[in-house]
Amino acid sequence: MFDGILKEYEKSKKTVEKENELLKKEIKLLSENITKKVLIGVNSDVQVLHSNQKIIEKETKELKSEVSKFQKEVQSWTALYDDLNGALKELGDVVNWAGIIEKEFKIIVEKIEESKVNKIQKQQSLQQKANQDTQPKNENLTQEQQQISQQQQQQQQQSNQVEQRKQE
């Protein structure tokens, strides 16, 4: 009896071992398939990440290049702006200088005209004094007085013109 049980036990043990071996093989195959599928999924994600990284690196290089070009362009525009700004300041200085010179010339012209008028008035005054001292009573005297009167009128007109220029 023990022999039969032992034989049966060994048979069932062998059967179980065979079944275990078959199950191990199946599990091994299944785990290999699952591992391959997981690796394929992970590898595809890694490949996508890797290709995205390469694209990002390429675009980063292009962006750096564009930024460098833009910086150079900004520097050149800044230099041009500074030059233009300096030129405009110089132009403003020249315009201001020209205005000052023009005002000074006007003042000089007015002073010269005033001097002429004063000179003429002094001459007339001296003539009048000379005429009063000599006082000849003839017709020439009246002609001289008319000339003096005309000169005085001219001087008065010139003085009026000078005043008008001053007001301008």
Protein backbone atom coordinates (compact mmCIF):
# COMPACT_ATOMS: atom_id res chain seq x y z
CA MET A 1 0.00 0.00 0.00
CA PHE A 2 2.70 2.40 0.87
CA ASP A 3 4.27 1.52 -2.39
CA GLY A 4 1.18 2.50 -4.28
CA ILE A 5 0.82 5.69 -2.39
CA LEU A 6 4.48 6.45 -2.87
CA LYS A 7 4.22 5.74 -6.59
CA GLU A 8 1.14 7.82 -6.82
CA TYR A 9 2.82 10.58 -4.83
CA GLU A 10 5.85 10.48 -7.09
CA LYS A 11 3.64 10.49 -10.16
CA SER A 12 1.66 13.38 -8.91
CA LYS A 13 4.89 15.08 -7.87
CA LYS A 14 6.28 14.63 -11.39
CA THR A 15 3.02 15.85 -12.86
CA VAL A 16 3.06 18.86 -10.58
CA GLU A 17 6.72 19.50 -11.42
CA LYS A 18 5.92 19.25 -15.14
CA GLU A 19 2.98 21.56 -14.68
CA ASN A 20 5.18 23.92 -12.67
CA GLU A 21 7.82 23.82 -15.39
CA LEU A 22 5.14 24.54 -17.97
CA LEU A 23 3.76 27.35 -15.85
CA LYS A 24 7.29 28.72 -15.32
CA LYS A 25 7.86 28.66 -19.08
CA GLU A 26 4.51 30.36 -19.66
CA ILE A 27 5.22 32.95 -16.99
CA LYS A 28 8.68 33.49 -18.46
CA LEU A 29 7.20 33.97 -21.94
CA LEU A 30 4.47 36.23 -20.63
CA SER A 31 6.92 38.26 -18.56
CA GLU A 32 9.21 38.58 -21.58
CA ASN A 33 6.27 39.79 -23.68
CA ILE A 34 5.18 42.22 -21.01
CA THR A 35 8.76 43.43 -20.54
CA LYS A 36 9.17 43.90 -24.29
CA LYS A 37 5.91 45.84 -24.49
CA VAL A 38 6.82 48.00 -21.50
CA LEU A 39 10.30 48.60 -22.94
CA ILE A 40 8.84 49.44 -26.33
CA GLY A 41 6.48 51.94 -24.66
CA VAL A 42 9.24 53.40 -22.53
CA ASN A 43 11.68 53.44 -25.44
CA SER A 44 9.18 55.20 -27.67
CA ASP A 45 8.62 57.81 -24.95
CA VAL A 46 12.39 58.13 -24.51
CA GLN A 47 12.80 58.46 -28.26
CA VAL A 48 10.15 61.18 -28.35
CA LEU A 49 11.85 62.97 -25.46
CA HIS A 50 15.23 62.61 -27.11
CA SER A 51 13.97 63.94 -30.45
CA ASN A 52 12.18 66.80 -28.64
CA GLN A 53 15.40 67.59 -26.80
CA LYS A 54 17.31 67.74 -30.09
CA ILE A 55 14.63 70.05 -31.55
CA ILE A 56 14.76 72.27 -28.46
CA GLU A 57 18.57 72.44 -28.60
CA LYS A 58 18.45 73.35 -32.29
CA GLU A 59 15.83 76.05 -31.71
CA THR A 60 17.81 77.34 -28.72
CA LYS A 61 20.90 77.74 -30.91
CA GLU A 62 18.84 79.54 -33.55
CA LEU A 63 17.31 81.77 -30.88
CA LYS A 64 20.75 82.59 -29.47
CA SER A 65 21.91 83.48 -32.97
CA GLU A 66 18.88 85.71 -33.55
CA VAL A 67 19.32 87.38 -30.15
CA SER A 68 22.97 88.06 -30.96
CA LYS A 69 22.00 89.60 -34.31
CA PHE A 70 19.29 91.64 -32.61
CA GLN A 71 21.75 92.90 -29.99
CA LYS A 72 24.17 94.00 -32.71
CA GLU A 73 21.35 95.75 -34.55
CA VAL A 74 20.21 97.47 -31.36
CA GLN A 75 23.79 98.61 -30.70
CA SER A 76 24.08 100.04 -34.21
CA TRP A 77 20.71 101.83 -33.85
CA THR A 78 21.79 103.17 -30.48
CA ALA A 79 25.02 104.49 -31.98
CA LEU A 80 23.07 106.13 -34.82
CA TYR A 81 20.64 107.65 -32.31
CA ASP A 82 23.51 109.03 -30.23
CA ASP A 83 25.14 110.53 -33.35
CA LEU A 84 21.85 112.09 -34.43
CA ASN A 85 21.19 113.41 -30.95
CA GLY A 86 24.66 114.99 -30.84
CA ALA A 87 24.16 116.53 -34.27
CA LEU A 88 20.82 117.97 -33.20
CA LYS A 89 22.42 119.47 -30.09
CA GLU A 90 25.14 121.02 -32.21
CA LEU A 91 22.54 122.35 -34.64
CA GLY A 92 20.63 123.86 -31.74
CA ASP A 93 23.83 125.48 -30.51
CA VAL A 94 24.51 126.89 -33.99
CA VAL A 95 20.97 128.25 -34.29
CA ASN A 96 21.25 129.83 -30.85
CA TRP A 97 24.64 131.31 -31.73
CA ALA A 98 23.27 132.71 -35.01
CA GLY A 99 20.36 134.32 -33.15
CA ILE A 100 22.72 135.95 -30.66
CA ILE A 101 24.97 137.24 -33.46
CA GLU A 102 21.93 138.61 -35.33
CA LYS A 103 20.75 140.49 -32.21
CA GLU A 104 24.23 141.90 -31.66
CA PHE A 105 24.43 143.10 -35.26
CA LYS A 106 21.05 144.80 -34.90
CA ILE A 107 22.30 146.57 -31.79
CA ILE A 108 25.47 147.65 -33.61
CA VAL A 109 23.48 148.97 -36.59
CA GLU A 110 21.19 150.90 -34.26
CA LYS A 111 24.16 152.42 -32.44
CA ILE A 112 25.75 153.45 -35.75
CA GLU A 113 22.51 155.04 -36.90
CA GLU A 114 22.13 156.84 -33.57
CA SER A 115 25.70 158.05 -33.90
CA LYS A 116 24.99 159.40 -37.37
CA VAL A 117 21.88 161.16 -36.13
CA ASN A 118 23.78 162.65 -33.18
CA LYS A 119 26.57 163.78 -35.48
CA ILE A 120 24.10 165.48 -37.81
CA GLN A 121 22.35 167.11 -34.86
CA LYS A 122 25.68 168.40 -33.53
CA GLN A 123 26.57 169.77 -36.94
CA GLN A 124 23.21 171.52 -37.17
CA SER A 125 23.59 172.84 -33.68
CA LEU A 126 27.05 174.16 -34.51
CA GLN A 127 25.73 175.68 -37.72
CA GLN A 128 22.92 177.37 -35.86
CA LYS A 129 25.36 178.81 -33.36
CA ALA A 130 27.62 179.99 -36.17
CA ASN A 131 24.64 181.48 -37.95
CA GLN A 132 23.49 183.24 -34.83
CA ASP A 133 26.93 184.69 -34.27
CA THR A 134 27.24 186.08 -37.77
CA GLN A 135 23.56 186.73 -38.44
CA PRO A 136 23.81 188.23 -41.88
CA LYS A 137 20.48 189.57 -42.94
CA ASN A 138 20.19 188.57 -46.47
CA GLU A 139 18.36 186.03 -48.54
CA ASN A 140 21.09 183.41 -48.19
CA LEU A 141 20.25 183.19 -44.51
CA THR A 142 16.71 182.10 -45.20
CA GLN A 143 17.94 179.48 -47.65
CA GLU A 144 20.34 178.14 -45.07
CA GLN A 145 17.58 178.03 -42.50
CA GLN A 146 15.44 176.08 -44.93
CA GLN A 147 18.30 173.63 -45.48
CA ILE A 148 18.81 173.26 -41.75
CA SER A 149 15.11 172.74 -41.26
CA GLN A 150 15.14 170.05 -43.95
CA GLN A 151 18.16 168.39 -42.32
CA GLN A 152 16.43 168.46 -38.97
CA GLN A 153 13.37 166.86 -40.50
CA GLN A 154 15.56 164.15 -42.04
CA GLN A 155 17.27 163.57 -38.71
CA GLN A 156 13.89 163.33 -37.02
CA GLN A 157 12.78 160.76 -39.60
CA GLN A 158 15.97 158.77 -39.07
CA SER A 159 15.45 158.87 -35.30
CA ASN A 160 11.91 157.60 -35.78
CA GLN A 161 13.22 154.77 -37.95
CA VAL A 162 15.79 153.82 -35.31
CA GLU A 163 13.06 153.78 -32.66
CA GLN A 164 10.91 151.54 -34.86
CA ARG A 165 13.80 149.11 -35.35
CA LYS A 166 14.40 148.98 -31.63
CA GLN A 167 10.78 148.07 -31.07
CA GLU A 168 10.97 145.27 -33.61
